[in-house]
Each structure stands twice: as structure tokens, then as C-alpha cells.
């Protein structure tokens, strides 16, 4: 690319504006340093030599990344998210079964408590 001496390429001009923004943000960051959240924690992941029930090889992860278009980090996140959906409750646990007193109160408040049991195919309780 031929350019006159002293002129900046678009890339150089963009870098200069980014540098100015960084300098501006530095002063703001100092005044807000107590408001910053710490970076998320990370962990070390070691591949297994071969695939097994207890681990996965680097080759398989590379094949998964190629097949899905995801990065290895995104693959790990996806796998852990799938496990969380499988093993963790999707709602806050309740206090357990209803007591006899609670059941009695529900029945006394229910409008269908006057109907005979034969009117129902199944009981909820």
C-alpha cells in the first residue's frame, strides 16, 4: 500500500483511538476499583490417554470441536450444563410431604370435598 509519509493506516489510526480510550478508562477504573468484580474462577482440565467412562481423550475433544464448531472451553461448558440439567433439580426443594393437618385443611377448603369419591378416577393423595 503506498501512503504519504506521516499519514497513518486505518489500523494505526484505530490503535491510536483505542489507546486514548484505554488511558481515559484507566482513570475511571482507579476511581471504581472497589466496584470491580473478581474474574471467574477456572480449573485445570487434563485429557485422558484414551476415552473411557471416566474421561475423554484430546483427539475426541478435537473431533467434537470440529463437528460442533465449538471451542474446547465451550464444549466443557456444554457438557457440564447437560449434566447439571440431568442431575440437579430445576426448582427449589420443598419441605417434603404434607402433614395430616395440612391435608385436612386443604380438604376442608376444597369445593370438591362434597363430591363422593366415586366421582374421581384417580386420587392425587
Protein backbone atom coordinates (compact mmCIF):
# COMPACT_ATOMS: atom_id res chain seq x y z
CA UNK A 1 0.00 0.00 0.00
CA UNK A 2 1.51 3.38 -0.98
CA UNK A 3 0.95 6.15 1.54
CA UNK A 4 2.40 9.58 2.04
CA UNK A 5 4.93 9.99 4.84
CA UNK A 6 3.30 10.96 8.11
CA UNK A 7 -0.13 9.54 7.27
CA UNK A 8 -1.50 6.69 9.28
CA UNK A 9 -3.03 3.49 8.05
CA UNK A 10 -6.59 2.84 9.20
CA UNK A 11 -5.18 0.20 11.54
CA UNK A 12 -2.74 2.67 13.12
CA UNK A 13 -5.47 5.28 13.49
CA UNK A 14 -7.74 2.72 15.15
CA UNK A 15 -4.94 1.71 17.51
CA UNK A 16 -4.38 5.32 18.50
CA UNK A 17 -8.05 5.84 19.34
CA UNK A 18 -8.09 2.62 21.35
CA UNK A 19 -5.01 3.80 23.26
CA UNK A 20 -6.74 7.08 24.09
CA UNK A 21 -9.81 5.17 25.29
CA UNK A 22 -7.65 2.91 27.42
CA UNK A 23 -5.99 5.94 29.02
CA UNK A 24 -9.41 7.51 29.67
CA UNK A 25 -10.72 4.28 31.17
CA UNK A 26 -7.65 3.86 33.37
CA UNK A 27 -8.52 6.92 35.40
CA UNK A 28 -12.13 5.79 35.68
CA UNK A 29 -11.03 2.30 36.71
CA UNK A 30 -8.91 3.70 39.52
CA UNK A 31 -11.88 5.56 40.96
CA UNK A 32 -14.11 2.49 40.57
CA UNK A 33 -11.57 -0.16 41.61
CA UNK A 34 -13.66 -1.20 44.61
CA UNK A 35 -16.66 -1.86 42.32
CA UNK A 36 -14.92 -4.39 40.07
CA UNK A 37 -15.95 -8.00 40.36
CA UNK A 38 -13.18 -10.57 40.50
CA UNK A 39 -12.64 -12.69 37.41
CA UNK A 40 -14.43 -16.03 37.37
CA UNK A 41 -12.53 -18.96 38.80
CA UNK A 42 -11.09 -21.55 36.44
CA UNK A 43 -9.87 -25.11 36.74
CA UNK A 44 -7.30 -27.35 35.14
CA UNK A 45 -8.61 -29.96 32.73
CA UNK A 46 -6.47 -32.95 31.85
CA UNK A 47 -7.29 -35.22 28.95
CA UNK A 48 -7.19 -38.98 29.39
CA UNK A 49 -4.88 -41.08 27.25
CA UNK A 50 -7.92 -42.84 25.81
CA UNK A 51 -11.68 -42.47 26.01
CA UNK A 52 -13.38 -44.31 28.86
CA UNK A 53 -16.33 -43.96 31.23
CA UNK A 54 -14.10 -41.78 33.40
CA UNK A 55 -12.66 -39.41 30.84
CA UNK A 56 -12.10 -38.26 27.30
CA UNK A 57 -9.06 -38.03 25.04
CA UNK A 58 -7.79 -34.89 23.37
CA UNK A 59 -8.43 -36.44 19.96
CA UNK A 60 -12.14 -36.93 20.75
CA UNK A 61 -12.45 -33.36 22.04
CA UNK A 62 -10.84 -32.09 18.84
CA UNK A 63 -13.30 -34.15 16.77
CA UNK A 64 -16.22 -32.77 18.84
CA UNK A 65 -14.95 -29.21 18.39
CA UNK A 66 -14.69 -29.72 14.65
CA UNK A 67 -18.13 -31.35 14.40
CA UNK A 68 -19.91 -28.72 16.52
CA UNK A 69 -17.92 -25.60 15.73
CA UNK A 70 -17.47 -25.00 19.47
CA UNK A 71 -14.23 -24.21 21.24
CA UNK A 72 -12.89 -26.71 23.77
CA UNK A 73 -13.94 -24.37 26.57
CA UNK A 74 -17.48 -24.17 25.18
CA UNK A 75 -17.56 -27.97 24.85
CA UNK A 76 -16.71 -28.35 28.54
CA UNK A 77 -19.38 -25.79 29.48
CA UNK A 78 -21.97 -27.58 27.32
CA UNK A 79 -21.12 -30.97 28.81
CA UNK A 80 -21.32 -29.66 32.37
CA UNK A 81 -24.59 -27.86 31.64
CA UNK A 82 -26.08 -31.10 30.28
CA UNK A 83 -25.01 -32.93 33.45
CA UNK A 84 -26.48 -30.18 35.62
CA UNK A 85 -29.83 -30.49 33.79
CA UNK A 86 -29.76 -34.25 34.34
CA UNK A 87 -28.69 -34.41 37.99
CA UNK A 88 -29.72 -31.15 39.65
CA UNK A 89 -33.31 -30.17 40.46
CA UNK A 90 -34.77 -27.44 38.26
CA UNK A 91 -36.62 -25.94 41.20
CA UNK A 92 -36.04 -25.19 44.85
CA UNK A 93 -36.70 -28.22 47.04
CA UNK A 94 -39.84 -28.02 49.14
CA UNK A 95 -40.35 -29.01 52.78
CA UNK A 96 -41.31 -32.58 51.99
CA UNK A 97 -44.68 -34.37 52.22
CA UNK A 98 -47.75 -32.59 53.53
CA UNK A 99 -48.71 -33.23 57.13
CA UNK A 100 -52.08 -34.70 58.12
CA UNK A 101 -53.09 -31.26 59.40
CA UNK A 102 -52.23 -29.64 56.07
CA UNK A 103 -54.16 -32.32 54.15
CA UNK A 104 -57.17 -31.80 56.41
CA UNK A 105 -57.04 -28.05 55.87
CA UNK A 106 -56.87 -28.49 52.07
CA UNK A 107 -59.83 -30.86 52.09
CA UNK A 108 -61.90 -28.51 54.25
CA UNK A 109 -61.19 -25.57 51.90
CA UNK A 110 -61.79 -27.52 48.69
CA UNK A 111 -65.07 -27.05 46.84
CA UNK A 112 -64.95 -30.66 45.62
CA UNK A 113 -64.81 -32.14 49.11
CA UNK A 114 -68.59 -32.63 49.00
CA UNK A 115 -68.35 -34.87 45.91
CA UNK A 116 -68.32 -38.60 46.51
CA UNK A 117 -65.02 -40.45 45.90
CA UNK A 118 -66.68 -42.40 43.05
CA UNK A 119 -66.71 -39.15 41.03
CA UNK A 120 -62.93 -39.34 40.64
CA UNK A 121 -60.84 -41.71 38.51
CA UNK A 122 -57.62 -41.10 40.46
CA UNK A 123 -56.61 -39.56 43.74
CA UNK A 124 -53.80 -37.04 43.96
CA UNK A 125 -53.05 -38.08 47.52
